[in-house]
Every structure is written in structure tokens, then in C-alpha cells.
Amino acid sequence: MAQDAELFCNEVEKFSDMKLLVKPDLQTLVMASANSFHEELFFSIAFSAKYVRGLLRVIQQGVTNPDIKNLAQIKKDLAENMEQITANLKILIANESTEVKEEFEQNYFSLTAESFANLRKLLNDLEWVKIYHNHLKRTK
């Protein structure tokens, strides 16, 4: 199973032109989803990650673009989706070792600036998973 996760992540990395930022943790999530039969949840998280990354881009543009009027609603939507992603990631790794759970808790789920920065890196990689998954669907 680990080889399948590694192969999948290698394919995503190649597709993204080597833009994965936290590939080992992405690989852990791929393995966790396969081991716990939560592949649908994994791809749901990837979909949400792509959506959240889009919201973050809008918020960044909204600071300098007066045409973006609904920043408060966008920020609320962002907060709700980040909470949902975090909850779903916790479900995904629930059956993993204590070491993996503690690592994810420290690196992605704690309420620190560093964890938020790490979570954004993970969202980047998950967005590439979604883009790659969409690419595979279109090329079939």
C-alpha cells in the first residue's frame, strides 16, 4: 500500500512540476485514506483545499481591489471550510499511529502561526491532488 501512495504522490509531484511542499505528509494522508477506506473523504478534502486556496487568493486580492465587496462573507466561508478540512483530516488519520497523530496535531492543527503556515502548504499539495485528479478524469 505504501508503494501505491508513493507512486500516486510522485505522479502528482511530476504533474505539478515539482511544486509539492509537504510530500511526505501528503503521502501519509494517501496511505491513511487507502488503509481506512476513506478515499472519498480524501478527495473531498482535496476539493475543499482547492476551494480554500481560491478563497485565500480572493482575500489577498481584496485588500488592494475595491471591486471585491463581500470580504466579510468570504472570510466567514474561509473559516468554516478550514474548520471542516481540519475535522476531516483528523478523521482521516484517526486510525494512524499516535506518532502520526501527534505530528499532524503539532504541525497542522495547533493554533499557531507556524501551524497555519504549514496547513497552507498542505492545502497547496492537496489542491495539486485535486487538479491532477480532474486531469485524470478529463483524459479518460
C-alpha atoms as a PDB file:
ATOM      1  CA  MET A   1       0.000   0.000   0.000  1.00  0.00           C
ATOM      2  CA  ALA A   2       2.861   2.392   0.821  1.00  0.00           C
ATOM      3  CA  GLN A   3       4.245   1.930  -2.679  1.00  0.00           C
ATOM      4  CA  ASP A   4       0.871   2.915  -4.166  1.00  0.00           C
ATOM      5  CA  ALA A   5       0.781   6.071  -2.048  1.00  0.00           C
ATOM      6  CA  GLU A   6       4.344   6.898  -3.011  1.00  0.00           C
ATOM      7  CA  LEU A   7       3.597   6.292  -6.691  1.00  0.00           C
ATOM      8  CA  PHE A   8       0.479   8.461  -6.558  1.00  0.00           C
ATOM      9  CA  CYS A   9       2.343  11.305  -4.838  1.00  0.00           C
ATOM     10  CA  ASN A  10       5.192  11.006  -7.337  1.00  0.00           C
ATOM     11  CA  GLU A  11       2.678  11.316 -10.173  1.00  0.00           C
ATOM     12  CA  VAL A  12       1.082  14.387  -8.565  1.00  0.00           C
ATOM     13  CA  GLU A  13       4.518  15.900  -7.983  1.00  0.00           C
ATOM     14  CA  LYS A  14       5.539  15.315 -11.596  1.00  0.00           C
ATOM     15  CA  PHE A  15       2.227  16.769 -12.826  1.00  0.00           C
ATOM     16  CA  SER A  16       2.708  19.854 -10.623  1.00  0.00           C
ATOM     17  CA  ASP A  17       6.240  20.450 -11.955  1.00  0.00           C
ATOM     18  CA  MET A  18       7.710  19.581  -8.547  1.00  0.00           C
ATOM     19  CA  LYS A  19       5.552  22.072  -6.611  1.00  0.00           C
ATOM     20  CA  LEU A  20       4.605  19.816  -3.701  1.00  0.00           C
ATOM     21  CA  LEU A  21       5.683  21.383  -0.415  1.00  0.00           C
ATOM     22  CA  VAL A  22       4.953  18.653   2.160  1.00  0.00           C
ATOM     23  CA  LYS A  23       5.016  15.493   0.074  1.00  0.00           C
ATOM     24  CA  PRO A  24       5.780  13.073   2.961  1.00  0.00           C
ATOM     25  CA  ASP A  25       2.692  14.232   4.848  1.00  0.00           C
ATOM     26  CA  LEU A  26       0.601  14.103   1.703  1.00  0.00           C
ATOM     27  CA  GLN A  27       1.792  10.541   1.238  1.00  0.00           C
ATOM     28  CA  THR A  28       0.767   9.769   4.822  1.00  0.00           C
ATOM     29  CA  LEU A  29      -2.738  11.061   4.052  1.00  0.00           C
ATOM     30  CA  VAL A  30      -2.956   8.991   0.857  1.00  0.00           C
ATOM     31  CA  MET A  31      -1.936   5.868   2.772  1.00  0.00           C
ATOM     32  CA  ALA A  32      -4.344   6.668   5.605  1.00  0.00           C
ATOM     33  CA  SER A  33      -7.217   7.106   3.167  1.00  0.00           C
ATOM     34  CA  ALA A  34      -6.477   3.791   1.480  1.00  0.00           C
ATOM     35  CA  ASN A  35      -5.973   1.918   4.757  1.00  0.00           C
ATOM     36  CA  SER A  36      -9.201   3.204   6.280  1.00  0.00           C
ATOM     37  CA  PHE A  37     -11.280   3.060   3.091  1.00  0.00           C
ATOM     38  CA  HIS A  38     -11.729   6.842   3.224  1.00  0.00           C
ATOM     39  CA  GLU A  39     -10.613   7.620  -0.337  1.00  0.00           C
ATOM     40  CA  GLU A  40     -13.817   9.571  -0.937  1.00  0.00           C
ATOM     41  CA  LEU A  41     -13.117  11.664   2.164  1.00  0.00           C
ATOM     42  CA  PHE A  42      -9.545  12.262   0.968  1.00  0.00           C
ATOM     43  CA  PHE A  43     -10.751  13.594  -2.389  1.00  0.00           C
ATOM     44  CA  SER A  44     -13.406  15.655  -0.610  1.00  0.00           C
ATOM     45  CA  ILE A  45     -10.622  17.245   1.437  1.00  0.00           C
ATOM     46  CA  ALA A  46      -8.665  17.887  -1.769  1.00  0.00           C
ATOM     47  CA  PHE A  47     -11.748  19.562  -3.299  1.00  0.00           C
ATOM     48  CA  SER A  48     -12.162  21.733  -0.204  1.00  0.00           C
ATOM     49  CA  ALA A  49      -8.456  22.580  -0.237  1.00  0.00           C
ATOM     50  CA  LYS A  50      -8.727  23.850  -3.801  1.00  0.00           C
ATOM     51  CA  TYR A  51     -11.750  25.931  -2.804  1.00  0.00           C
ATOM     52  CA  VAL A  52      -9.995  27.349   0.281  1.00  0.00           C
ATOM     53  CA  ARG A  53      -6.891  28.226  -1.734  1.00  0.00           C
ATOM     54  CA  GLY A  54      -9.177  30.134  -4.095  1.00  0.00           C
ATOM     55  CA  LEU A  55     -10.732  31.980  -1.153  1.00  0.00           C
ATOM     56  CA  LEU A  56      -7.272  32.877   0.146  1.00  0.00           C
ATOM     57  CA  ARG A  57      -6.346  34.299  -3.263  1.00  0.00           C
ATOM     58  CA  VAL A  58      -9.540  36.389  -3.304  1.00  0.00           C
ATOM     59  CA  ILE A  59      -8.831  37.698   0.196  1.00  0.00           C
ATOM     60  CA  GLN A  60      -5.271  38.632  -0.784  1.00  0.00           C
ATOM     61  CA  GLN A  61      -6.603  40.483  -3.840  1.00  0.00           C
ATOM     62  CA  GLY A  62      -9.422  42.012  -1.819  1.00  0.00           C
ATOM     63  CA  VAL A  63      -7.019  44.026   0.266  1.00  0.00           C
ATOM     64  CA  THR A  64      -5.981  46.012  -2.808  1.00  0.00           C
ATOM     65  CA  ASN A  65      -9.029  45.546  -5.042  1.00  0.00           C
ATOM     66  CA  PRO A  66     -12.017  47.746  -4.115  1.00  0.00           C
ATOM     67  CA  ASP A  67     -14.265  45.767  -6.501  1.00  0.00           C
ATOM     68  CA  ILE A  68     -14.334  42.857  -4.051  1.00  0.00           C
ATOM     69  CA  LYS A  69     -17.183  43.899  -1.759  1.00  0.00           C
ATOM     70  CA  ASN A  70     -18.033  40.786   0.248  1.00  0.00           C
ATOM     71  CA  LEU A  71     -14.763  40.186   2.101  1.00  0.00           C
ATOM     72  CA  ALA A  72     -16.554  39.568   5.411  1.00  0.00           C
ATOM     73  CA  GLN A  73     -18.598  36.735   3.879  1.00  0.00           C
ATOM     74  CA  ILE A  74     -15.517  35.323   2.152  1.00  0.00           C
ATOM     75  CA  LYS A  75     -13.594  35.330   5.453  1.00  0.00           C
ATOM     76  CA  LYS A  76     -16.519  33.599   7.193  1.00  0.00           C
ATOM     77  CA  ASP A  77     -16.657  30.977   4.427  1.00  0.00           C
ATOM     78  CA  LEU A  78     -12.897  30.522   4.717  1.00  0.00           C
ATOM     79  CA  ALA A  79     -13.081  29.963   8.480  1.00  0.00           C
ATOM     80  CA  GLU A  80     -15.899  27.417   8.122  1.00  0.00           C
ATOM     81  CA  ASN A  81     -14.088  25.498   5.391  1.00  0.00           C
ATOM     82  CA  MET A  82     -10.794  25.493   7.299  1.00  0.00           C
ATOM     83  CA  GLU A  83     -12.596  24.021  10.323  1.00  0.00           C
ATOM     84  CA  GLN A  84     -14.195  21.370   8.101  1.00  0.00           C
ATOM     85  CA  ILE A  85     -10.886  20.470   6.462  1.00  0.00           C
ATOM     86  CA  THR A  86      -9.195  20.162   9.849  1.00  0.00           C
ATOM     87  CA  ALA A  87     -12.021  17.969  11.182  1.00  0.00           C
ATOM     88  CA  ASN A  88     -11.876  15.759   8.083  1.00  0.00           C
ATOM     89  CA  LEU A  89      -8.094  15.449   8.284  1.00  0.00           C
ATOM     90  CA  LYS A  90      -8.465  14.292  11.892  1.00  0.00           C
ATOM     91  CA  ILE A  91     -10.987  11.669  10.775  1.00  0.00           C
ATOM     92  CA  LEU A  92      -8.632  10.565   8.020  1.00  0.00           C
ATOM     93  CA  ILE A  93      -5.703   9.994  10.387  1.00  0.00           C
ATOM     94  CA  ALA A  94      -7.785   8.649  13.303  1.00  0.00           C
ATOM     95  CA  ASN A  95      -6.528   5.093  12.815  1.00  0.00           C
ATOM     96  CA  GLU A  96      -2.890   6.066  12.301  1.00  0.00           C
ATOM     97  CA  SER A  97      -0.183   5.698  14.933  1.00  0.00           C
ATOM     98  CA  THR A  98      -0.020   8.032  17.902  1.00  0.00           C
ATOM     99  CA  GLU A  99       3.189   9.422  16.427  1.00  0.00           C
ATOM    100  CA  VAL A 100       1.456  10.414  13.169  1.00  0.00           C
ATOM    101  CA  LYS A 101      -1.494  11.945  15.013  1.00  0.00           C
ATOM    102  CA  GLU A 102       0.802  13.946  17.291  1.00  0.00           C
ATOM    103  CA  GLU A 103       2.881  15.127  14.324  1.00  0.00           C
ATOM    104  CA  PHE A 104      -0.218  16.340  12.470  1.00  0.00           C
ATOM    105  CA  GLU A 105      -1.560  17.949  15.649  1.00  0.00           C
ATOM    106  CA  GLN A 106       1.666  19.849  16.184  1.00  0.00           C
ATOM    107  CA  ASN A 107       2.361  20.699  12.533  1.00  0.00           C
ATOM    108  CA  TYR A 108      -1.134  21.475  11.234  1.00  0.00           C
ATOM    109  CA  PHE A 109      -3.824  21.662  13.917  1.00  0.00           C
ATOM    110  CA  SER A 110      -2.374  23.750  16.746  1.00  0.00           C
ATOM    111  CA  LEU A 111      -3.367  27.388  16.850  1.00  0.00           C
ATOM    112  CA  THR A 112      -0.018  28.932  15.964  1.00  0.00           C
ATOM    113  CA  ALA A 113       1.221  30.980  13.047  1.00  0.00           C
ATOM    114  CA  GLU A 114       3.633  28.174  12.157  1.00  0.00           C
ATOM    115  CA  SER A 115       0.840  25.567  12.089  1.00  0.00           C
ATOM    116  CA  PHE A 116      -1.286  27.829   9.900  1.00  0.00           C
ATOM    117  CA  ALA A 117       1.651  28.294   7.509  1.00  0.00           C
ATOM    118  CA  ASN A 118       2.165  24.514   7.447  1.00  0.00           C
ATOM    119  CA  LEU A 119      -1.549  23.943   6.853  1.00  0.00           C
ATOM    120  CA  ARG A 120      -1.400  26.322   3.897  1.00  0.00           C
ATOM    121  CA  LYS A 121       1.469  24.229   2.471  1.00  0.00           C
ATOM    122  CA  LEU A 122      -0.600  21.081   2.931  1.00  0.00           C
ATOM    123  CA  LEU A 123      -3.570  22.773   1.254  1.00  0.00           C
ATOM    124  CA  ASN A 124      -1.272  23.638  -1.637  1.00  0.00           C
ATOM    125  CA  ASP A 125      -0.371  19.979  -2.090  1.00  0.00           C
ATOM    126  CA  LEU A 126      -3.988  18.870  -1.714  1.00  0.00           C
ATOM    127  CA  GLU A 127      -5.003  21.424  -4.340  1.00  0.00           C
ATOM    128  CA  TRP A 128      -2.490  19.803  -6.703  1.00  0.00           C
ATOM    129  CA  VAL A 129      -4.105  16.431  -5.918  1.00  0.00           C
ATOM    130  CA  LYS A 130      -7.484  17.857  -6.961  1.00  0.00           C
ATOM    131  CA  ILE A 131      -6.079  19.397 -10.141  1.00  0.00           C
ATOM    132  CA  TYR A 132      -4.345  16.113 -11.007  1.00  0.00           C
ATOM    133  CA  HIS A 133      -7.492  14.122 -10.237  1.00  0.00           C
ATOM    134  CA  ASN A 134      -9.508  16.416 -12.533  1.00  0.00           C
ATOM    135  CA  HIS A 135      -6.856  15.980 -15.231  1.00  0.00           C
ATOM    136  CA  LEU A 136      -7.161  12.194 -14.984  1.00  0.00           C
ATOM    137  CA  LYS A 137     -10.954  12.404 -15.299  1.00  0.00           C
ATOM    138  CA  ARG A 138     -10.690  14.512 -18.456  1.00  0.00           C
ATOM    139  CA  THR A 139      -8.114  12.298 -20.133  1.00  0.00           C
ATOM    140  CA  LYS A 140     -10.116   9.073 -19.735  1.00  0.00           C
END
